[in-house]
């Protein structure tokens, strides 16, 4: 059986909807949908979805008619926040994509002492790009929601504000001695998790101390040194498996 086409939209509601120009091009030229074809619309911000049908495909856009929206059937069941140091090149693109597929609900890009890249005036544009990547990853993976991608923050501010009461806060650090496994095994159902990961150069001792002072557990991910893009995938994959029934 072929998979149902899923399309992200803003402010999903019942009735006729005109898709935006970019989405219309994708529906008409890439997916080649025609009037009468079925699809599923989902609103990643509000975790809603609805079945719909294409009613017209014109040069100026595609119109669909949506049924009444309902809560998305597949969405994150645990609040998981990733504090991710900004890496070189497009590394954060891949991290956002993987984190979406692995159930993260919030992504906070973080500027650290050893980070090579500082976004400055480019921050808003990069965040908009990461949000688009998260939405497309949600579409491809079948999620009805998408992570919130926040504006970049300094390490100190991010760790100080990221630990609400009852949250398991973890900071991956290559010099940590405590293994992460027992902490993950002791998670309560739906207990929120915050994971902090450094950049290519790792965290400084001072940054690790800041995290510890904010209530984070400094944890080891095992005997191997993982790349900045591998470390979150390893932990988030374990979390996803623990969450599955």
Protein backbone atom coordinates (compact mmCIF):
# COMPACT_ATOMS: atom_id res chain seq x y z
CA UNK A 1 0.00 0.00 0.00
CA UNK A 2 1.35 3.44 -0.89
CA UNK A 3 1.79 6.01 1.85
CA UNK A 4 -0.72 8.83 2.10
CA UNK A 5 0.67 12.18 0.99
CA UNK A 6 1.15 14.51 3.96
CA UNK A 7 1.39 18.29 3.55
CA UNK A 8 2.20 20.84 6.27
CA UNK A 9 -0.04 23.91 6.49
CA UNK A 10 -0.45 26.82 8.88
CA UNK A 11 -3.70 27.40 10.79
CA UNK A 12 -5.43 24.23 9.66
CA UNK A 13 -9.25 24.44 9.57
CA UNK A 14 -12.15 22.69 7.90
CA UNK A 15 -13.31 23.81 4.46
CA UNK A 16 -11.56 25.17 1.37
CA UNK A 17 -7.89 26.13 1.75
CA UNK A 18 -5.53 27.73 -0.74
CA UNK A 19 -2.03 26.31 -0.35
CA UNK A 20 0.85 28.77 -0.36
CA UNK A 21 2.97 29.17 -3.48
CA UNK A 22 5.83 26.89 -2.42
CA UNK A 23 3.52 24.12 -1.21
CA UNK A 24 1.40 24.45 -4.35
CA UNK A 25 4.46 23.96 -6.55
CA UNK A 26 5.42 20.87 -4.56
CA UNK A 27 1.93 19.40 -4.78
CA UNK A 28 1.51 20.12 -8.49
CA UNK A 29 5.01 19.62 -9.92
CA UNK A 30 6.70 17.13 -7.60
CA UNK A 31 3.81 15.05 -6.27
CA UNK A 32 1.74 15.63 -9.42
CA UNK A 33 -1.54 15.49 -7.55
CA UNK A 34 -4.72 16.18 -9.49
CA UNK A 35 -8.28 17.17 -8.58
CA UNK A 36 -9.90 14.37 -6.60
CA UNK A 37 -6.64 13.09 -5.10
CA UNK A 38 -6.59 12.56 -1.35
CA UNK A 39 -3.98 13.86 1.06
CA UNK A 40 -3.48 14.57 4.74
CA UNK A 41 -2.89 18.11 5.93
CA UNK A 42 -1.12 18.68 9.21
CA UNK A 43 -0.51 21.78 11.29
CA UNK A 44 2.88 21.18 12.98
CA UNK A 45 2.56 24.09 15.38
CA UNK A 46 -0.77 22.98 16.85
CA UNK A 47 -0.37 19.19 16.31
CA UNK A 48 -3.56 18.92 14.25
CA UNK A 49 -4.30 16.96 11.09
CA UNK A 50 -7.15 16.48 8.65
CA UNK A 51 -7.92 14.44 5.57
CA UNK A 52 -8.44 16.54 2.45
CA UNK A 53 -8.95 16.38 -1.29
CA UNK A 54 -7.52 18.47 -4.09
CA UNK A 55 -10.26 20.44 -5.84
CA UNK A 56 -8.22 22.51 -8.29
CA UNK A 57 -4.68 22.80 -9.62
CA UNK A 58 -4.11 26.13 -11.34
CA UNK A 59 -1.10 28.20 -12.34
CA UNK A 60 -1.68 30.54 -9.41
CA UNK A 61 -1.98 27.78 -6.80
CA UNK A 62 -3.63 24.64 -5.50
CA UNK A 63 -6.92 24.57 -3.62
CA UNK A 64 -7.99 21.74 -1.33
CA UNK A 65 -11.00 21.03 0.87
CA UNK A 66 -10.21 19.78 4.36
CA UNK A 67 -12.33 17.78 6.77
CA UNK A 68 -12.59 18.85 10.40
CA UNK A 69 -9.15 18.80 12.04
CA UNK A 70 -8.41 16.37 14.85
CA UNK A 71 -5.45 15.89 17.18
CA UNK A 72 -2.51 14.39 15.32
CA UNK A 73 -2.28 10.65 15.91
CA UNK A 74 1.52 10.57 15.91
CA UNK A 75 3.31 13.18 17.97
CA UNK A 76 5.90 13.47 20.69
CA UNK A 77 4.73 12.01 23.99
CA UNK A 78 7.62 13.22 26.14
CA UNK A 79 8.89 16.79 26.42
CA UNK A 80 12.51 16.61 25.28
CA UNK A 81 14.60 19.75 24.92
CA UNK A 82 17.93 19.67 23.09
CA UNK A 83 20.50 22.34 23.93
CA UNK A 84 22.82 21.94 20.97
CA UNK A 85 26.06 23.85 20.46
CA UNK A 86 26.26 25.40 17.00
CA UNK A 87 28.68 23.46 14.82
CA UNK A 88 30.46 24.15 11.56
CA UNK A 89 28.79 24.14 8.16
CA UNK A 90 25.45 22.40 7.91
CA UNK A 91 25.90 20.12 10.92
CA UNK A 92 22.99 21.65 12.77
CA UNK A 93 20.79 21.05 9.73
CA UNK A 94 21.38 17.31 10.13
CA UNK A 95 20.97 17.48 13.91
CA UNK A 96 17.60 19.24 13.59
CA UNK A 97 16.45 16.65 11.06
CA UNK A 98 17.52 13.70 13.21
CA UNK A 99 16.19 15.24 16.42
CA UNK A 100 12.78 15.72 14.82
CA UNK A 101 12.65 12.08 13.74
CA UNK A 102 13.69 11.03 17.26
CA UNK A 103 10.94 12.92 19.09
CA UNK A 104 12.51 16.16 20.35
CA UNK A 105 10.02 18.91 21.20
CA UNK A 106 12.35 21.91 21.56
CA UNK A 107 15.73 22.73 20.02
CA UNK A 108 17.85 25.54 21.42
CA UNK A 109 20.99 26.41 19.42
CA UNK A 110 23.72 27.36 21.89
CA UNK A 111 26.90 29.39 21.51
CA UNK A 112 29.79 27.86 23.47
CA UNK A 113 33.38 28.86 24.17
CA UNK A 114 34.86 26.45 21.62
CA UNK A 115 32.23 26.90 18.94
CA UNK A 116 33.78 27.93 15.64
CA UNK A 117 30.57 29.53 14.33
CA UNK A 118 28.87 32.57 15.88
CA UNK A 119 25.75 33.55 13.97
CA UNK A 120 25.40 37.22 14.88
CA UNK A 121 23.11 38.98 12.40
CA UNK A 122 22.46 35.69 10.58
CA UNK A 123 20.68 34.12 13.54
CA UNK A 124 17.10 34.85 12.45
CA UNK A 125 17.66 33.50 8.92
CA UNK A 126 19.33 30.34 10.19
CA UNK A 127 16.57 29.70 12.72
CA UNK A 128 13.95 30.10 9.98
CA UNK A 129 15.89 27.55 7.91
CA UNK A 130 16.06 25.10 10.83
CA UNK A 131 12.33 25.48 11.42
CA UNK A 132 11.66 24.58 7.79
CA UNK A 133 13.92 21.55 8.10
CA UNK A 134 12.08 20.45 11.25
CA UNK A 135 8.69 20.70 9.52
CA UNK A 136 9.88 18.71 6.50
CA UNK A 137 11.42 16.08 8.78
CA UNK A 138 8.09 15.85 10.62
CA UNK A 139 6.30 15.37 7.29
CA UNK A 140 8.68 12.63 6.17
CA UNK A 141 8.66 10.80 9.50
CA UNK A 142 4.89 10.89 10.00
CA UNK A 143 4.89 13.27 12.98
CA UNK A 144 1.90 15.52 13.34
CA UNK A 145 3.90 18.08 15.29
CA UNK A 146 7.37 19.58 14.87
CA UNK A 147 9.97 20.79 17.36
CA UNK A 148 10.06 24.44 18.31
CA UNK A 149 13.40 25.85 17.19
CA UNK A 150 14.41 28.77 19.40
CA UNK A 151 16.75 31.68 18.84
CA UNK A 152 20.38 31.00 19.82
CA UNK A 153 21.40 31.55 23.43
CA UNK A 154 24.63 31.64 25.35
CA UNK A 155 25.61 28.46 27.18
CA UNK A 156 25.18 30.01 30.62
CA UNK A 157 21.72 31.37 29.90
CA UNK A 158 20.57 28.16 28.22
CA UNK A 159 21.51 25.80 31.05
CA UNK A 160 20.25 28.19 33.72
CA UNK A 161 16.75 28.36 32.21
CA UNK A 162 16.30 24.85 30.84
CA UNK A 163 15.49 22.77 33.91
CA UNK A 164 11.89 23.01 35.17
CA UNK A 165 10.97 21.06 38.30
CA UNK A 166 10.91 17.31 37.75
CA UNK A 167 13.01 17.40 34.60
CA UNK A 168 15.92 15.01 34.08
CA UNK A 169 18.73 17.29 32.88
CA UNK A 170 21.71 15.62 31.19
CA UNK A 171 24.93 17.19 29.93
CA UNK A 172 27.11 15.01 27.73
CA UNK A 173 30.76 15.68 28.61
CA UNK A 174 33.77 13.67 27.53
CA UNK A 175 35.43 14.02 30.94
CA UNK A 176 32.39 12.85 32.90
CA UNK A 177 32.64 9.58 34.78
CA UNK A 178 28.98 8.85 35.54
CA UNK A 179 27.39 6.62 32.87
CA UNK A 180 24.17 7.82 31.30
CA UNK A 181 22.49 4.40 31.28
CA UNK A 182 21.21 4.21 34.88
CA UNK A 183 19.70 7.69 34.64
CA UNK A 184 17.81 6.79 31.47
CA UNK A 185 16.63 3.51 32.96
CA UNK A 186 15.24 5.39 35.96
CA UNK A 187 13.10 7.74 33.88
CA UNK A 188 9.45 7.99 34.86
CA UNK A 189 6.81 7.77 32.11
CA UNK A 190 6.55 11.11 30.29
CA UNK A 191 9.16 12.72 32.58
CA UNK A 192 10.62 15.75 30.74
CA UNK A 193 14.25 15.54 29.64
CA UNK A 194 16.80 18.21 28.77
CA UNK A 195 19.95 17.16 26.92
CA UNK A 196 22.92 19.52 26.49
CA UNK A 197 25.62 18.76 23.90
CA UNK A 198 28.77 20.72 23.12
CA UNK A 199 30.43 21.62 19.83
CA UNK A 200 33.26 19.93 17.91
CA UNK A 201 35.80 21.11 20.47
CA UNK A 202 33.74 19.90 23.41
CA UNK A 203 32.77 21.80 26.53
CA UNK A 204 35.24 23.59 28.74
CA UNK A 205 35.53 22.61 32.39
CA UNK A 206 33.93 25.95 33.27
CA UNK A 207 30.93 25.22 31.04
CA UNK A 208 30.55 21.77 32.55
CA UNK A 209 30.64 23.37 36.00
CA UNK A 210 27.92 25.84 34.95
CA UNK A 211 25.72 22.95 33.85
CA UNK A 212 26.31 21.05 37.08
CA UNK A 213 25.51 24.14 39.13
CA UNK A 214 22.21 24.46 37.21
CA UNK A 215 21.24 20.90 38.19
CA UNK A 216 22.47 18.95 35.17
CA UNK A 217 23.97 15.50 35.52
CA UNK A 218 27.36 15.39 33.79
CA UNK A 219 27.26 12.08 31.95
CA UNK A 220 29.48 9.86 29.88
CA UNK A 221 28.15 8.30 26.68
CA UNK A 222 30.66 5.46 26.79
CA UNK A 223 34.32 4.84 25.92
CA UNK A 224 34.21 6.44 22.47
CA UNK A 225 34.45 10.14 21.68
CA UNK A 226 31.32 10.98 19.69
CA UNK A 227 30.98 13.80 17.19
CA UNK A 228 28.71 16.71 18.03
CA UNK A 229 26.12 15.41 15.57
CA UNK A 230 26.41 11.78 16.76
CA UNK A 231 26.04 12.38 20.50
CA UNK A 232 22.45 13.73 20.44
CA UNK A 233 21.32 10.99 18.04
CA UNK A 234 22.71 8.32 20.39
CA UNK A 235 20.92 9.67 23.46
CA UNK A 236 17.69 10.59 21.66
CA UNK A 237 17.52 7.17 20.05
CA UNK A 238 17.75 5.54 23.48
CA UNK A 239 15.06 7.87 24.80
CA UNK A 240 12.75 7.02 21.92
CA UNK A 241 13.13 3.31 22.54
CA UNK A 242 12.42 3.78 26.24
CA UNK A 243 9.29 5.76 25.40
CA UNK A 244 7.90 3.15 23.01
CA UNK A 245 5.47 0.73 24.56
